[in-house]
Amino acid sequence: MKAGRAFTSFTRTERLGIISLLLLIAILLAVKATMHEWVHPSYNREQEARLNAQWRQLKASTIKDPPTYNNTHADTFPQKKSNYIQPVTRTEKTTAGVKIKMFVFDPNSVDSIGLRKLGLREKTTAIFLHWRAKGKVFYNKEELKKVYTLTQEDYDRLEPYIQIDRSRLK
């Protein structure tokens, strides 16, 4: 019985807090209900007349009918979705505007420019360098396959040019 009562009763501090919150809410409601009686905004007839004139002018100048927009360029858009979806080819995916030049490289020391010249995508280059910056060291060629954006055909193309300098390894 005591355990059930502990959840339904309040301590003295909690009761005082509840009473003070209820009192504060009652005071705020009373102030809001009676505020119009003891706070009187200043009334200016000239300002009201000026505002009414501006309101009438604004109402007169607004457009009665919403404008209709004619799509004059509808003929320039393709009618079928298949007309504007371009298939991504391998050349677009690898190096846009970069000449592929194969050279011997060490994956532990090659920079981003070298990786791009080898024909790797920008995303693959960024992931490769980020992984290496986090402390990854490549001990053999096969570990390059773990770079998840490096495709198998990219790896097959790069494999003959990978040369790991064992003297620089820890």
N, C-alpha and C. Protein backbone atom coordinates (compact mmCIF):
# COMPACT_ATOMS: atom_id res chain seq x y z
N MET A 1 0.81 -1.20 0.00
CA MET A 1 0.00 0.00 0.00
C MET A 1 0.86 1.26 0.00
N LYS A 2 1.99 1.21 0.73
CA LYS A 2 2.86 2.38 0.78
C LYS A 2 3.48 2.68 -0.58
N ALA A 3 3.80 1.61 -1.32
CA ALA A 3 4.42 1.81 -2.63
C ALA A 3 3.44 2.49 -3.59
N GLY A 4 2.19 2.10 -3.57
CA GLY A 4 1.18 2.72 -4.42
C GLY A 4 0.88 4.14 -4.01
N ARG A 5 0.92 4.41 -2.72
CA ARG A 5 0.64 5.75 -2.22
C ARG A 5 1.78 6.72 -2.53
N ALA A 6 2.98 6.21 -2.65
CA ALA A 6 4.13 7.06 -2.94
C ALA A 6 4.00 7.75 -4.30
N PHE A 7 3.29 7.12 -5.20
CA PHE A 7 3.12 7.71 -6.52
C PHE A 7 1.93 8.67 -6.57
N THR A 8 1.03 8.63 -5.62
CA THR A 8 -0.16 9.49 -5.65
C THR A 8 -0.09 10.65 -4.67
N SER A 9 0.87 10.69 -3.80
CA SER A 9 0.98 11.79 -2.85
C SER A 9 2.19 12.66 -3.18
N PHE A 10 2.15 13.90 -2.69
CA PHE A 10 3.22 14.84 -2.95
C PHE A 10 3.92 15.21 -1.66
N THR A 11 5.19 15.52 -1.75
CA THR A 11 5.92 15.99 -0.58
C THR A 11 5.54 17.44 -0.32
N ARG A 12 5.98 17.97 0.81
CA ARG A 12 5.65 19.35 1.19
C ARG A 12 6.19 20.33 0.15
N THR A 13 7.41 20.11 -0.33
CA THR A 13 8.02 20.99 -1.33
C THR A 13 7.25 20.94 -2.64
N GLU A 14 6.83 19.75 -3.05
CA GLU A 14 6.06 19.62 -4.28
C GLU A 14 4.71 20.32 -4.15
N ARG A 15 4.04 20.18 -2.98
CA ARG A 15 2.76 20.85 -2.76
C ARG A 15 2.91 22.37 -2.83
N LEU A 16 3.98 22.90 -2.22
CA LEU A 16 4.21 24.35 -2.27
C LEU A 16 4.47 24.81 -3.71
N GLY A 17 5.20 24.02 -4.47
CA GLY A 17 5.45 24.35 -5.87
C GLY A 17 4.18 24.37 -6.69
N ILE A 18 3.32 23.38 -6.49
CA ILE A 18 2.05 23.32 -7.22
C ILE A 18 1.16 24.50 -6.87
N ILE A 19 1.08 24.82 -5.58
CA ILE A 19 0.25 25.94 -5.14
C ILE A 19 0.77 27.25 -5.72
N SER A 20 2.10 27.44 -5.72
CA SER A 20 2.65 28.69 -6.25
C SER A 20 2.43 28.78 -7.77
N LEU A 21 2.54 27.68 -8.49
CA LEU A 21 2.27 27.71 -9.93
C LEU A 21 0.80 28.03 -10.22
N LEU A 22 -0.12 27.41 -9.46
CA LEU A 22 -1.54 27.69 -9.64
C LEU A 22 -1.86 29.15 -9.32
N LEU A 23 -1.24 29.68 -8.27
CA LEU A 23 -1.43 31.07 -7.90
C LEU A 23 -0.92 32.01 -9.00
N LEU A 24 0.23 31.70 -9.55
CA LEU A 24 0.80 32.51 -10.63
C LEU A 24 -0.10 32.49 -11.86
N ILE A 25 -0.63 31.33 -12.21
CA ILE A 25 -1.54 31.21 -13.35
C ILE A 25 -2.81 32.02 -13.11
N ALA A 26 -3.35 31.95 -11.89
CA ALA A 26 -4.57 32.71 -11.56
C ALA A 26 -4.32 34.21 -11.66
N ILE A 27 -3.16 34.67 -11.20
CA ILE A 27 -2.83 36.10 -11.27
C ILE A 27 -2.71 36.53 -12.72
N LEU A 28 -2.05 35.75 -13.54
CA LEU A 28 -1.90 36.11 -14.96
C LEU A 28 -3.24 36.14 -15.68
N LEU A 29 -4.13 35.20 -15.38
CA LEU A 29 -5.46 35.21 -15.99
C LEU A 29 -6.26 36.43 -15.55
N ALA A 30 -6.16 36.78 -14.28
CA ALA A 30 -6.88 37.95 -13.76
C ALA A 30 -6.35 39.24 -14.41
N VAL A 31 -5.04 39.34 -14.57
CA VAL A 31 -4.46 40.52 -15.20
C VAL A 31 -4.94 40.64 -16.64
N LYS A 32 -4.96 39.52 -17.35
CA LYS A 32 -5.40 39.55 -18.75
C LYS A 32 -6.87 39.93 -18.86
N ALA A 33 -7.70 39.44 -17.93
CA ALA A 33 -9.13 39.72 -17.98
C ALA A 33 -9.45 41.17 -17.64
N THR A 34 -8.65 41.79 -16.78
CA THR A 34 -8.97 43.15 -16.33
C THR A 34 -8.06 44.22 -16.94
N MET A 35 -7.17 43.86 -17.80
CA MET A 35 -6.20 44.81 -18.34
C MET A 35 -6.87 45.94 -19.13
N HIS A 36 -7.94 45.63 -19.83
CA HIS A 36 -8.61 46.65 -20.64
C HIS A 36 -9.21 47.77 -19.80
N GLU A 37 -9.43 47.53 -18.52
CA GLU A 37 -10.02 48.54 -17.66
C GLU A 37 -9.00 49.54 -17.14
N TRP A 38 -7.77 49.16 -16.96
CA TRP A 38 -6.79 50.08 -16.40
C TRP A 38 -5.68 50.47 -17.36
N VAL A 39 -5.67 49.91 -18.58
CA VAL A 39 -4.73 50.35 -19.61
C VAL A 39 -5.55 50.86 -20.78
N HIS A 40 -5.42 52.17 -21.08
CA HIS A 40 -6.18 52.78 -22.16
C HIS A 40 -5.21 53.25 -23.24
N PRO A 41 -5.29 52.65 -24.44
CA PRO A 41 -4.41 53.11 -25.51
C PRO A 41 -4.81 54.51 -25.97
N SER A 42 -3.84 55.26 -26.41
CA SER A 42 -4.14 56.61 -26.89
C SER A 42 -4.91 56.51 -28.21
N TYR A 43 -5.90 57.37 -28.37
CA TYR A 43 -6.74 57.34 -29.55
C TYR A 43 -6.49 58.60 -30.35
N ASN A 44 -6.10 58.44 -31.59
CA ASN A 44 -5.79 59.57 -32.44
C ASN A 44 -6.67 59.49 -33.68
N ARG A 45 -7.63 60.43 -33.80
CA ARG A 45 -8.58 60.40 -34.92
C ARG A 45 -7.89 60.65 -36.26
N GLU A 46 -6.90 61.53 -36.28
CA GLU A 46 -6.21 61.82 -37.55
C GLU A 46 -5.45 60.60 -38.05
N GLN A 47 -4.80 59.90 -37.12
CA GLN A 47 -4.05 58.70 -37.51
C GLN A 47 -5.00 57.62 -38.01
N GLU A 48 -6.17 57.48 -37.35
CA GLU A 48 -7.13 56.48 -37.79
C GLU A 48 -7.67 56.82 -39.18
N ALA A 49 -7.94 58.08 -39.44
CA ALA A 49 -8.44 58.50 -40.75
C ALA A 49 -7.39 58.24 -41.83
N ARG A 50 -6.14 58.53 -41.53
CA ARG A 50 -5.05 58.29 -42.49
C ARG A 50 -4.91 56.80 -42.78
N LEU A 51 -4.97 55.97 -41.73
CA LEU A 51 -4.86 54.52 -41.92
C LEU A 51 -6.04 53.96 -42.71
N ASN A 52 -7.26 54.48 -42.45
CA ASN A 52 -8.43 54.02 -43.21
C ASN A 52 -8.31 54.40 -44.68
N ALA A 53 -7.77 55.58 -44.97
CA ALA A 53 -7.58 56.00 -46.36
C ALA A 53 -6.56 55.11 -47.05
N GLN A 54 -5.49 54.79 -46.36
CA GLN A 54 -4.47 53.89 -46.94
C GLN A 54 -5.06 52.51 -47.18
N TRP A 55 -5.92 52.04 -46.27
CA TRP A 55 -6.54 50.72 -46.42
C TRP A 55 -7.46 50.70 -47.65
N ARG A 56 -8.27 51.76 -47.82
CA ARG A 56 -9.15 51.82 -48.99
C ARG A 56 -8.34 51.87 -50.29
N GLN A 57 -7.23 52.61 -50.27
CA GLN A 57 -6.37 52.70 -51.45
C GLN A 57 -5.74 51.34 -51.76
N LEU A 58 -5.32 50.62 -50.74
CA LEU A 58 -4.72 49.30 -50.94
C LEU A 58 -5.75 48.32 -51.49
N LYS A 59 -6.97 48.36 -50.96
CA LYS A 59 -8.02 47.47 -51.46
C LYS A 59 -8.38 47.77 -52.91
N ALA A 60 -8.36 49.04 -53.28
CA ALA A 60 -8.69 49.42 -54.65
C ALA A 60 -7.59 49.03 -55.63
N SER A 61 -6.35 49.02 -55.15
CA SER A 61 -5.24 48.73 -56.06
C SER A 61 -4.95 47.24 -56.21
N THR A 62 -5.54 46.41 -55.36
CA THR A 62 -5.28 44.97 -55.48
C THR A 62 -5.99 44.41 -56.69
N ILE A 63 -5.44 43.34 -57.22
CA ILE A 63 -5.98 42.70 -58.42
C ILE A 63 -7.18 41.86 -58.01
N LYS A 64 -8.28 42.04 -58.72
CA LYS A 64 -9.50 41.29 -58.40
C LYS A 64 -9.36 39.82 -58.78
N ASP A 65 -8.85 39.54 -59.97
CA ASP A 65 -8.69 38.17 -60.44
C ASP A 65 -7.22 37.78 -60.37
N PRO A 66 -6.94 36.59 -59.90
CA PRO A 66 -5.54 36.17 -59.89
C PRO A 66 -5.03 36.00 -61.31
N PRO A 67 -3.78 36.30 -61.55
CA PRO A 67 -3.25 36.19 -62.92
C PRO A 67 -3.16 34.72 -63.35
N THR A 68 -3.34 34.52 -64.63
CA THR A 68 -3.16 33.18 -65.19
C THR A 68 -1.86 33.18 -65.96
N TYR A 69 -1.09 32.18 -65.74
CA TYR A 69 0.21 32.08 -66.39
C TYR A 69 0.13 31.04 -67.49
N ASN A 70 0.43 31.47 -68.68
CA ASN A 70 0.45 30.54 -69.81
C ASN A 70 1.86 29.99 -69.95
N ASN A 71 1.96 28.70 -70.02
CA ASN A 71 3.26 28.07 -70.18
C ASN A 71 3.61 28.11 -71.67
N THR A 72 4.34 29.13 -72.05
CA THR A 72 4.69 29.29 -73.46
C THR A 72 5.85 28.39 -73.87
N HIS A 73 6.53 27.83 -72.89
CA HIS A 73 7.69 27.00 -73.20
C HIS A 73 7.39 25.51 -73.05
N ALA A 74 6.11 25.13 -73.09
CA ALA A 74 5.75 23.74 -72.90
C ALA A 74 6.32 22.85 -74.00
N ASP A 75 6.49 23.41 -75.19
CA ASP A 75 7.00 22.60 -76.28
C ASP A 75 8.49 22.30 -76.15
N THR A 76 9.20 23.03 -75.28
CA THR A 76 10.63 22.78 -75.13
C THR A 76 10.92 21.62 -74.17
N PHE A 77 9.93 21.25 -73.36
CA PHE A 77 10.14 20.15 -72.43
C PHE A 77 9.79 18.83 -73.09
N PRO A 78 10.55 17.78 -72.85
CA PRO A 78 10.23 16.49 -73.46
C PRO A 78 8.94 15.92 -72.87
N GLN A 79 8.22 15.23 -73.71
CA GLN A 79 6.94 14.68 -73.28
C GLN A 79 7.10 13.40 -72.47
N LYS A 80 8.13 12.63 -72.77
CA LYS A 80 8.33 11.37 -72.07
C LYS A 80 9.50 11.48 -71.13
N LYS A 81 9.38 10.81 -70.01
CA LYS A 81 10.45 10.83 -69.01
C LYS A 81 11.73 10.20 -69.57
N SER A 82 11.58 9.22 -70.41
CA SER A 82 12.75 8.52 -70.94
C SER A 82 13.59 9.42 -71.85
N ASN A 83 13.00 10.52 -72.34
CA ASN A 83 13.75 11.41 -73.22
C ASN A 83 14.80 12.21 -72.49
N TYR A 84 14.60 12.49 -71.22
CA TYR A 84 15.56 13.33 -70.52
C TYR A 84 16.36 12.61 -69.45
N ILE A 85 16.21 11.33 -69.31
CA ILE A 85 17.07 10.57 -68.41
C ILE A 85 18.23 10.04 -69.23
N GLN A 86 19.42 10.48 -68.89
CA GLN A 86 20.61 10.07 -69.62
C GLN A 86 21.29 8.93 -68.87
N PRO A 87 21.60 7.85 -69.55
CA PRO A 87 22.33 6.78 -68.86
C PRO A 87 23.75 7.23 -68.54
N VAL A 88 24.22 6.87 -67.37
CA VAL A 88 25.57 7.24 -66.95
C VAL A 88 26.54 6.22 -67.53
N THR A 89 27.50 6.72 -68.25
CA THR A 89 28.50 5.82 -68.82
C THR A 89 29.73 5.80 -67.95
N ARG A 90 30.60 4.87 -68.18
CA ARG A 90 31.80 4.71 -67.37
C ARG A 90 32.73 5.91 -67.49
N THR A 91 32.80 6.53 -68.65
CA THR A 91 33.70 7.67 -68.81
C THR A 91 33.19 8.87 -68.02
N GLU A 92 31.88 9.05 -67.92
CA GLU A 92 31.34 10.15 -67.13
C GLU A 92 31.56 9.91 -65.65
N LYS A 93 31.57 8.66 -65.26
CA LYS A 93 31.66 8.31 -63.86
C LYS A 93 33.07 8.45 -63.30
N THR A 94 34.08 8.25 -64.12
CA THR A 94 35.45 8.25 -63.60
C THR A 94 36.01 9.65 -63.52
N THR A 95 36.53 10.14 -64.60
CA THR A 95 37.25 11.42 -64.56
C THR A 95 36.73 12.32 -65.65
N ALA A 96 35.95 13.27 -65.27
CA ALA A 96 35.43 14.23 -66.24
C ALA A 96 36.51 15.27 -66.51
N GLY A 97 37.08 15.25 -67.68
CA GLY A 97 38.06 16.25 -68.07
C GLY A 97 39.48 15.95 -67.63
N VAL A 98 39.73 14.84 -66.94
CA VAL A 98 41.08 14.51 -66.48
C VAL A 98 41.60 13.38 -67.35
N LYS A 99 42.80 13.55 -67.88
CA LYS A 99 43.40 12.49 -68.70
C LYS A 99 43.92 11.40 -67.78
N ILE A 100 43.57 10.17 -68.09
CA ILE A 100 44.04 9.04 -67.29
C ILE A 100 45.47 8.72 -67.71
N LYS A 101 46.35 8.73 -66.72
CA LYS A 101 47.76 8.40 -66.97
C LYS A 101 48.17 7.40 -65.91
N MET A 102 48.49 6.21 -66.34
CA MET A 102 48.87 5.16 -65.40
C MET A 102 50.35 5.29 -65.04
N PHE A 103 50.66 5.18 -63.76
CA PHE A 103 52.04 5.23 -63.27
C PHE A 103 52.13 4.41 -62.00
N VAL A 104 53.35 4.03 -61.64
CA VAL A 104 53.58 3.25 -60.42
C VAL A 104 53.36 4.17 -59.23
N PHE A 105 52.60 3.68 -58.23
CA PHE A 105 52.32 4.51 -57.06
C PHE A 105 52.28 3.66 -55.80
N ASP A 106 52.52 4.34 -54.67
CA ASP A 106 52.42 3.73 -53.35
C ASP A 106 51.12 4.24 -52.72
N PRO A 107 50.16 3.37 -52.41
CA PRO A 107 48.89 3.83 -51.85
C PRO A 107 49.04 4.53 -50.50
N ASN A 108 50.18 4.34 -49.83
CA ASN A 108 50.39 4.99 -48.54
C ASN A 108 50.91 6.42 -48.68
N SER A 109 51.31 6.82 -49.88
CA SER A 109 51.87 8.16 -50.04
C SER A 109 51.30 8.95 -51.22
N VAL A 110 50.47 8.35 -52.05
CA VAL A 110 49.94 9.05 -53.22
C VAL A 110 48.97 10.15 -52.76
N ASP A 111 48.96 11.27 -53.51
CA ASP A 111 48.08 12.37 -53.15
C ASP A 111 46.82 12.34 -54.03
N SER A 112 45.93 13.30 -53.80
CA SER A 112 44.65 13.30 -54.51
C SER A 112 44.83 13.53 -56.01
N ILE A 113 45.79 14.36 -56.38
CA ILE A 113 46.03 14.62 -57.80
C ILE A 113 46.49 13.34 -58.50
N GLY A 114 47.36 12.59 -57.83
CA GLY A 114 47.82 11.33 -58.39
C GLY A 114 46.68 10.33 -58.54
N LEU A 115 45.81 10.25 -57.55
CA LEU A 115 44.68 9.32 -57.63
C LEU A 115 43.73 9.72 -58.75
N ARG A 116 43.52 11.02 -58.93
CA ARG A 116 42.64 11.47 -60.02
C ARG A 116 43.27 11.18 -61.38
N LYS A 117 44.61 11.32 -61.49
CA LYS A 117 45.29 11.00 -62.75
C LYS A 117 45.21 9.52 -63.06
N LEU A 118 45.11 8.70 -62.02
CA LEU A 118 44.98 7.26 -62.23
C LEU A 118 43.58 6.88 -62.68
N GLY A 119 42.66 7.83 -62.68
CA GLY A 119 41.32 7.57 -63.19
C GLY A 119 40.30 7.28 -62.12
N LEU A 120 40.60 7.57 -60.87
CA LEU A 120 39.62 7.33 -59.81
C LEU A 120 38.66 8.50 -59.71
N ARG A 121 37.42 8.18 -59.34
CA ARG A 121 36.42 9.23 -59.17
C ARG A 121 36.79 10.13 -58.00
N GLU A 122 36.21 11.30 -57.99
CA GLU A 122 36.47 12.27 -56.92
C GLU A 122 36.02 11.71 -55.57
N LYS A 123 34.88 11.05 -55.54
CA LYS A 123 34.35 10.46 -54.30
C LYS A 123 35.29 9.37 -53.78
N THR A 124 35.75 8.51 -54.67
CA THR A 124 36.66 7.45 -54.28
C THR A 124 37.97 8.03 -53.75
N THR A 125 38.45 9.07 -54.40
CA THR A 125 39.69 9.73 -53.96
C THR A 125 39.51 10.31 -52.57
N ALA A 126 38.38 10.99 -52.33
CA ALA A 126 38.12 11.60 -51.02
C ALA A 126 38.03 10.53 -49.94
N ILE A 127 37.33 9.45 -50.21
CA ILE A 127 37.19 8.38 -49.22
C ILE A 127 38.54 7.72 -48.95
N PHE A 128 39.30 7.50 -50.01
CA PHE A 128 40.62 6.89 -49.88
C PHE A 128 41.52 7.74 -48.98
N LEU A 129 41.58 9.05 -49.24
CA LEU A 129 42.44 9.94 -48.46
C LEU A 129 41.94 10.10 -47.02
N HIS A 130 40.62 10.13 -46.85
CA HIS A 130 40.06 10.24 -45.50
C HIS A 130 40.39 8.99 -44.68
N TRP A 131 40.28 7.85 -45.31
CA TRP A 131 40.58 6.59 -44.63
C TRP A 131 42.05 6.55 -44.22
N ARG A 132 42.90 7.01 -45.11
CA ARG A 132 44.33 7.04 -44.81
C ARG A 132 44.65 8.06 -43.72
N ALA A 133 43.95 9.19 -43.71
CA ALA A 133 44.17 10.21 -42.68
C ALA A 133 43.75 9.69 -41.31
N LYS A 134 42.83 8.76 -41.27
CA LYS A 134 42.39 8.18 -40.00
C LYS A 134 43.37 7.13 -39.48
N GLY A 135 44.42 6.85 -40.26
CA GLY A 135 45.45 5.94 -39.78
C GLY A 135 45.58 4.64 -40.54
N LYS A 136 44.84 4.47 -41.61
CA LYS A 136 44.92 3.24 -42.39
C LYS A 136 46.26 3.18 -43.11
N VAL A 137 46.92 2.03 -42.99
CA VAL A 137 48.17 1.76 -43.70
C VAL A 137 47.94 0.53 -44.56
N PHE A 138 48.33 0.61 -45.81
CA PHE A 138 48.18 -0.51 -46.73
C PHE A 138 49.46 -1.34 -46.71
N TYR A 139 49.32 -2.60 -46.32
CA TYR A 139 50.47 -3.49 -46.24
C TYR A 139 50.63 -4.35 -47.48
N ASN A 140 49.51 -4.60 -48.20
CA ASN A 140 49.60 -5.35 -49.45
C ASN A 140 48.55 -4.82 -50.43
N LYS A 141 48.64 -5.27 -51.68
CA LYS A 141 47.78 -4.76 -52.74
C LYS A 141 46.30 -5.06 -52.48
N GLU A 142 46.02 -6.22 -51.93
CA GLU A 142 44.64 -6.66 -51.76
C GLU A 142 43.86 -5.78 -50.79
N GLU A 143 44.56 -5.08 -49.91
CA GLU A 143 43.87 -4.21 -48.95
C GLU A 143 43.20 -3.03 -49.64
N LEU A 144 43.64 -2.73 -50.85
CA LEU A 144 43.01 -1.64 -51.60
C LEU A 144 41.57 -1.99 -51.98
N LYS A 145 41.25 -3.26 -52.04
CA LYS A 145 39.89 -3.68 -52.37
C LYS A 145 38.90 -3.27 -51.29
N LYS A 146 39.38 -2.98 -50.09
CA LYS A 146 38.49 -2.62 -48.98
C LYS A 146 37.93 -1.21 -49.10
N VAL A 147 38.51 -0.39 -49.97
CA VAL A 147 37.94 0.94 -50.21
C VAL A 147 36.63 0.69 -50.94
N TYR A 148 35.51 0.94 -50.26
CA TYR A 148 34.23 0.43 -50.75
C TYR A 148 33.72 1.10 -52.02
N THR A 149 34.21 2.27 -52.39
CA THR A 149 33.77 2.88 -53.65
C THR A 149 34.69 2.52 -54.81
N LEU A 150 35.76 1.80 -54.53
CA LEU A 150 36.68 1.36 -55.58
C LEU A 150 36.09 0.11 -56.23
N THR A 151 35.76 0.22 -57.50
CA THR A 151 35.15 -0.92 -58.19
C THR A 151 36.20 -1.97 -58.51
N GLN A 152 35.73 -3.16 -58.81
CA GLN A 152 36.64 -4.26 -59.13
C GLN A 152 37.42 -3.96 -60.41
N GLU A 153 36.77 -3.35 -61.38
CA GLU A 153 37.50 -3.05 -62.63
C GLU A 153 38.54 -1.95 -62.41
N ASP A 154 38.26 -1.00 -61.51
CA ASP A 154 39.29 0.00 -61.17
C ASP A 154 40.47 -0.69 -60.49
N TYR A 155 40.17 -1.60 -59.58
CA TYR A 155 41.25 -2.31 -58.89
C TYR A 155 42.08 -3.13 -59.88
N ASP A 156 41.40 -3.83 -60.79
CA ASP A 156 42.11 -4.64 -61.78
C ASP A 156 43.01 -3.76 -62.67
N ARG A 157 42.55 -2.56 -62.98
CA ARG A 157 43.33 -1.64 -63.80
C ARG A 157 44.53 -1.10 -63.02
N LEU A 158 44.38 -0.86 -61.71
CA LEU A 158 45.45 -0.28 -60.90
C LEU A 158 46.45 -1.30 -60.37
N GLU A 159 46.04 -2.55 -60.22
CA GLU A 159 46.86 -3.56 -59.54
C GLU A 159 48.29 -3.67 -60.07
N PRO A 160 48.54 -3.68 -61.37
CA PRO A 160 49.93 -3.80 -61.83
C PRO A 160 50.81 -2.60 -61.46
N TYR A 161 50.19 -1.47 -61.13
CA TYR A 161 50.95 -0.25 -60.85
C TYR A 161 51.12 0.01 -59.35
N ILE A 162 50.54 -0.83 -58.51
CA ILE A 162 50.65 -0.64 -57.06
C ILE A 162 51.99 -1.19 -56.59
N GLN A 163 52.76 -0.36 -55.91
CA GLN A 163 54.04 -0.77 -55.34
C GLN A 163 54.13 -0.19 -53.94
N ILE A 164 54.07 -1.04 -52.93
CA ILE A 164 54.10 -0.58 -51.55
C ILE A 164 55.54 -0.54 -51.07
N ASP A 165 55.96 0.62 -50.59
CA ASP A 165 57.32 0.82 -50.08
C ASP A 165 57.37 0.28 -48.65
N ARG A 166 57.96 -0.90 -48.47
CA ARG A 166 57.98 -1.55 -47.16
C ARG A 166 58.91 -0.85 -46.18
N SER A 167 59.86 -0.07 -46.67
CA SER A 167 60.79 0.61 -45.77
C SER A 167 60.09 1.74 -45.00
N ARG A 168 58.98 2.26 -45.53
CA ARG A 168 58.25 3.34 -44.86
C ARG A 168 57.22 2.82 -43.87
N LEU A 169 56.95 1.51 -43.90
CA LEU A 169 55.95 0.93 -42.99
C LEU A 169 56.51 0.85 -41.59
N LYS A 170 55.65 0.94 -40.61
CA LYS A 170 56.08 0.90 -39.20
C LYS A 170 56.41 -0.50 -38.77
